[in-house]
Amino acid sequence: MRPSNALITPEGYPFIAYSVVLFLFLAAGTLVINSAVLAFPAGIAFLLVLFVISFFRNPERTPPVDTTLLVAPADGTIVYVGLATQEHLGACQKISIFMSVFNVHVNRAPITGKVVERFYKQGKFYDARHADASCENEQCGLVMEQDNGVRVAFVQIAGLIARRILCYVEVGDRLERGQRYGMIRFGSRVDVYLPEGLEPLVAVGQTTVAGETALVRLG
């Protein structure tokens, strides 16, 4: 399924439908039986409907005018900035973004370019903030190459609750910076791997907005 411009991402429709049916069932039971016992679970079900709608929201984003800026692929909080080694890029820098269940979970391309590699690895489901999540958790990654030859990798990583990674693109596809390319359900992480020597524009603890927050300047 290709990403949609709808205000709610299509992957959320079944979950929204289930939660609405549950709410209506409990609410109807409360009215018919006139029982206060069902009023509380009906209220919880209504809050669940609001939560699911919020989780699958799909807002529009506008990348910075400066095209040399690499943007965040995910909404969330920076949990790591530093050196790393990545199997497809070698020695590099890494910036990790943790997405809580309250963040938008649609992922966006950090640069404009061509997808030159796609890789997937089965794994565990540690808390996405865990230091071992980058290498041990289930993940799906892309390597993109800009027209000038600069390569960047970014990896969707499943978390403790998230058990479904969705990536819509394949090798050979071309993405524009800020374009939707996938999502991860219910709490997760995205690692971005960059060439060495770049000055990070973000720090640990900072919040990011996918498609808008600049992580580095590629030049």
Protein backbone atom coordinates (compact mmCIF):
# COMPACT_ATOMS: atom_id res chain seq x y z
CA MET A 1 0.00 0.00 0.00
CA ARG A 2 1.40 3.39 -1.01
CA PRO A 3 1.34 6.28 1.49
CA SER A 4 -1.76 8.45 1.43
CA ASN A 5 -2.29 12.19 1.80
CA ALA A 6 -5.43 11.57 3.87
CA LEU A 7 -5.59 13.13 7.34
CA ILE A 8 -5.73 9.59 8.76
CA THR A 9 -3.34 7.05 7.29
CA PRO A 10 -5.27 4.11 5.72
CA GLU A 11 -3.45 1.55 7.92
CA GLY A 12 -5.46 2.95 10.81
CA TYR A 13 -8.92 2.41 9.35
CA PRO A 14 -9.40 -1.16 10.69
CA PHE A 15 -8.19 -0.19 14.17
CA ILE A 16 -10.49 2.84 14.23
CA ALA A 17 -13.41 0.69 13.06
CA TYR A 18 -12.80 -1.93 15.77
CA SER A 19 -12.58 0.67 18.51
CA VAL A 20 -15.73 2.48 17.30
CA VAL A 21 -17.70 -0.79 17.19
CA LEU A 22 -16.56 -1.61 20.73
CA PHE A 23 -17.60 1.82 21.96
CA LEU A 24 -21.00 1.65 20.26
CA PHE A 25 -21.63 -1.84 21.68
CA LEU A 26 -20.84 -0.74 25.23
CA ALA A 27 -22.70 2.55 24.87
CA ALA A 28 -25.78 0.77 23.51
CA GLY A 29 -25.60 -1.72 26.35
CA THR A 30 -25.43 1.10 28.87
CA LEU A 31 -28.59 2.72 27.41
CA VAL A 32 -30.60 -0.47 26.92
CA ILE A 33 -29.80 -2.07 30.24
CA ASN A 34 -29.57 1.29 31.98
CA SER A 35 -26.61 -0.08 33.88
CA ALA A 36 -23.91 2.06 35.45
CA VAL A 37 -21.65 -1.01 35.32
CA LEU A 38 -21.19 -0.55 31.56
CA ALA A 39 -20.81 3.23 31.72
CA PHE A 40 -17.18 3.11 32.82
CA PRO A 41 -15.96 0.65 30.12
CA ALA A 42 -17.94 2.65 27.54
CA GLY A 43 -16.05 5.75 28.61
CA ILE A 44 -12.74 3.89 28.33
CA ALA A 45 -13.74 2.67 24.86
CA PHE A 46 -14.48 6.24 23.81
CA LEU A 47 -11.01 7.33 24.96
CA LEU A 48 -9.59 4.40 22.98
CA VAL A 49 -11.32 5.69 19.85
CA LEU A 50 -9.72 9.11 20.35
CA PHE A 51 -6.31 7.54 20.97
CA VAL A 52 -6.40 5.36 17.85
CA ILE A 53 -7.49 8.29 15.68
CA SER A 54 -4.68 10.38 17.15
CA PHE A 55 -2.10 7.63 16.64
CA PHE A 56 -2.86 7.21 12.94
CA ARG A 57 -3.03 10.93 12.15
CA ASN A 58 -1.19 11.90 8.99
CA PRO A 59 -0.50 15.65 8.96
CA GLU A 60 1.01 17.57 6.08
CA ARG A 61 4.62 18.67 6.54
CA THR A 62 6.72 21.28 4.75
CA PRO A 63 10.51 20.66 4.46
CA PRO A 64 12.92 23.60 4.93
CA VAL A 65 13.57 25.75 1.87
CA ASP A 66 17.32 25.04 2.20
CA THR A 67 17.72 21.80 0.22
CA THR A 68 21.11 21.03 1.79
CA LEU A 69 19.40 20.23 5.10
CA LEU A 70 18.71 16.57 5.89
CA VAL A 71 15.40 16.34 7.76
CA ALA A 72 14.15 13.99 10.46
CA PRO A 73 12.41 10.86 9.14
CA ALA A 74 10.23 10.61 12.26
CA ASP A 75 8.43 12.57 14.94
CA GLY A 76 9.88 11.88 18.36
CA THR A 77 12.78 12.52 20.72
CA ILE A 78 16.50 12.32 19.95
CA VAL A 79 17.99 9.53 22.08
CA TYR A 80 21.46 9.20 20.50
CA VAL A 81 23.88 11.39 18.57
CA GLY A 82 27.35 10.03 17.93
CA LEU A 83 29.68 7.75 16.01
CA ALA A 84 28.65 4.32 14.78
CA THR A 85 29.38 1.60 12.24
CA GLN A 86 26.71 0.59 9.75
CA GLU A 87 27.05 -2.52 7.59
CA HIS A 88 26.14 -0.70 4.36
CA LEU A 89 28.04 2.56 4.99
CA GLY A 90 30.91 1.58 7.28
CA ALA A 91 32.14 4.15 9.81
CA CYS A 92 29.60 6.93 10.10
CA GLN A 93 27.57 9.13 12.40
CA LYS A 94 24.21 8.06 13.86
CA ILE A 95 21.19 10.01 15.05
CA SER A 96 18.43 7.97 16.71
CA ILE A 97 14.83 9.13 17.16
CA PHE A 98 12.47 7.41 19.60
CA MET A 99 8.75 7.54 18.78
CA SER A 100 6.35 7.14 21.69
CA VAL A 101 2.76 6.00 21.20
CA PHE A 102 1.72 9.67 21.27
CA ASN A 103 3.86 10.68 18.27
CA VAL A 104 2.83 10.66 14.62
CA HIS A 105 4.16 7.36 13.27
CA VAL A 106 4.28 8.12 9.54
CA ASN A 107 7.92 8.11 8.39
CA ARG A 108 9.34 10.48 5.76
CA ALA A 109 12.41 10.49 3.51
CA PRO A 110 15.23 12.61 5.01
CA ILE A 111 16.76 13.51 1.63
CA THR A 112 15.89 13.59 -2.06
CA GLY A 113 17.42 10.75 -3.99
CA LYS A 114 17.22 7.17 -5.20
CA VAL A 115 16.79 4.06 -3.06
CA VAL A 116 19.85 1.95 -3.80
CA GLU A 117 19.47 -0.72 -1.10
CA ARG A 118 16.71 -2.12 1.06
CA PHE A 119 17.36 -4.57 3.88
CA TYR A 120 15.32 -6.35 6.53
CA LYS A 121 16.33 -8.25 9.64
CA GLN A 122 14.20 -10.29 12.01
CA GLY A 123 14.96 -9.70 15.64
CA LYS A 124 13.82 -9.09 19.18
CA PHE A 125 11.48 -6.46 20.59
CA TYR A 126 13.45 -4.55 23.22
CA ASP A 127 12.18 -1.16 24.31
CA ALA A 128 13.15 1.08 21.37
CA ARG A 129 15.12 3.34 23.75
CA HIS A 130 17.33 0.40 24.77
CA ALA A 131 20.98 0.66 23.69
CA ASP A 132 20.78 -2.76 21.99
CA ALA A 133 17.64 -1.96 19.97
CA SER A 134 19.62 -0.77 16.94
CA CYS A 135 21.33 -4.12 16.47
CA GLU A 136 18.99 -6.63 18.14
CA ASN A 137 15.44 -5.53 17.25
CA GLU A 138 13.48 -6.35 14.12
CA GLN A 139 14.18 -3.68 11.52
CA CYS A 140 13.82 -2.53 7.94
CA GLY A 141 16.31 -0.12 6.40
CA LEU A 142 16.91 1.87 3.25
CA VAL A 143 20.08 3.33 1.73
CA MET A 144 19.45 6.41 -0.38
CA GLU A 145 21.85 8.18 -2.70
CA GLN A 146 21.63 11.85 -3.62
CA ASP A 147 22.33 13.02 -7.15
CA ASN A 148 25.80 14.12 -5.96
CA GLY A 149 26.62 10.56 -4.79
CA VAL A 150 26.26 11.13 -1.03
CA ARG A 151 24.67 8.11 0.65
CA VAL A 152 22.51 8.04 3.78
CA ALA A 153 20.90 5.06 5.52
CA PHE A 154 17.82 5.16 7.72
CA VAL A 155 16.37 2.22 9.59
CA GLN A 156 12.88 1.62 10.97
CA ILE A 157 13.19 -0.37 14.20
CA ALA A 158 10.38 -2.22 15.98
CA GLY A 159 9.93 -1.54 19.68
CA LEU A 160 8.54 -3.28 22.74
CA ILE A 161 4.93 -2.86 21.60
CA ALA A 162 5.41 -2.14 17.90
CA ARG A 163 5.35 -5.40 15.96
CA ARG A 164 4.65 -4.20 12.43
CA ILE A 165 7.03 -2.21 10.24
CA LEU A 166 5.57 -0.87 7.00
CA CYS A 167 7.87 0.30 4.20
CA TYR A 168 6.27 1.16 0.88
CA VAL A 169 9.34 1.61 -1.34
CA GLU A 170 11.73 -0.67 -3.18
CA VAL A 171 15.22 -0.41 -4.68
CA GLY A 172 15.14 1.94 -7.66
CA ASP A 173 12.37 4.18 -6.33
CA ARG A 174 13.06 7.89 -6.12
CA LEU A 175 11.91 9.82 -3.07
CA GLU A 176 11.62 13.53 -2.44
CA ARG A 177 12.74 14.98 0.88
CA GLY A 178 9.81 14.86 3.30
CA GLN A 179 7.87 12.31 1.23
CA ARG A 180 5.98 9.65 3.20
CA TYR A 181 7.57 6.22 2.76
CA GLY A 182 6.32 4.06 5.65
CA MET A 183 5.27 3.81 9.27
CA ILE A 184 5.68 1.68 12.39
CA ARG A 185 2.76 0.81 14.63
CA PHE A 186 2.64 1.67 18.33
CA GLY A 187 5.98 2.95 19.63
CA SER A 188 9.29 2.50 17.85
CA ARG A 189 12.53 4.10 16.64
CA VAL A 190 14.28 5.30 13.50
CA ASP A 191 18.09 5.43 13.21
CA VAL A 192 19.71 7.72 10.63
CA TYR A 193 23.27 6.97 9.48
CA LEU A 194 25.26 9.84 7.98
CA PRO A 195 28.73 10.45 6.53
CA GLU A 196 31.41 11.25 9.09
CA GLY A 197 32.49 14.83 9.73
CA LEU A 198 29.07 16.48 9.62
CA GLU A 199 28.02 18.84 12.42
CA PRO A 200 24.77 17.66 14.05
CA LEU A 201 22.10 20.35 14.33
CA VAL A 202 20.26 18.47 17.09
CA ALA A 203 21.10 17.09 20.52
CA VAL A 204 19.89 14.28 22.79
CA GLY A 205 16.55 15.17 24.34
CA GLN A 206 15.42 17.42 21.50
CA THR A 207 12.08 16.73 19.85
CA THR A 208 11.79 16.29 16.09
CA VAL A 209 9.08 16.77 13.49
CA ALA A 210 9.28 14.40 10.51
CA GLY A 211 9.99 16.16 7.25
CA GLU A 212 10.70 19.50 8.94
CA THR A 213 13.36 19.29 11.67
CA ALA A 214 16.88 19.62 10.24
CA LEU A 215 19.34 17.02 11.58
CA VAL A 216 22.48 18.00 9.64
CA ARG A 217 23.58 20.07 6.68
CA LEU A 218 24.91 17.84 3.91
CA GLY A 219 26.36 20.73 1.91
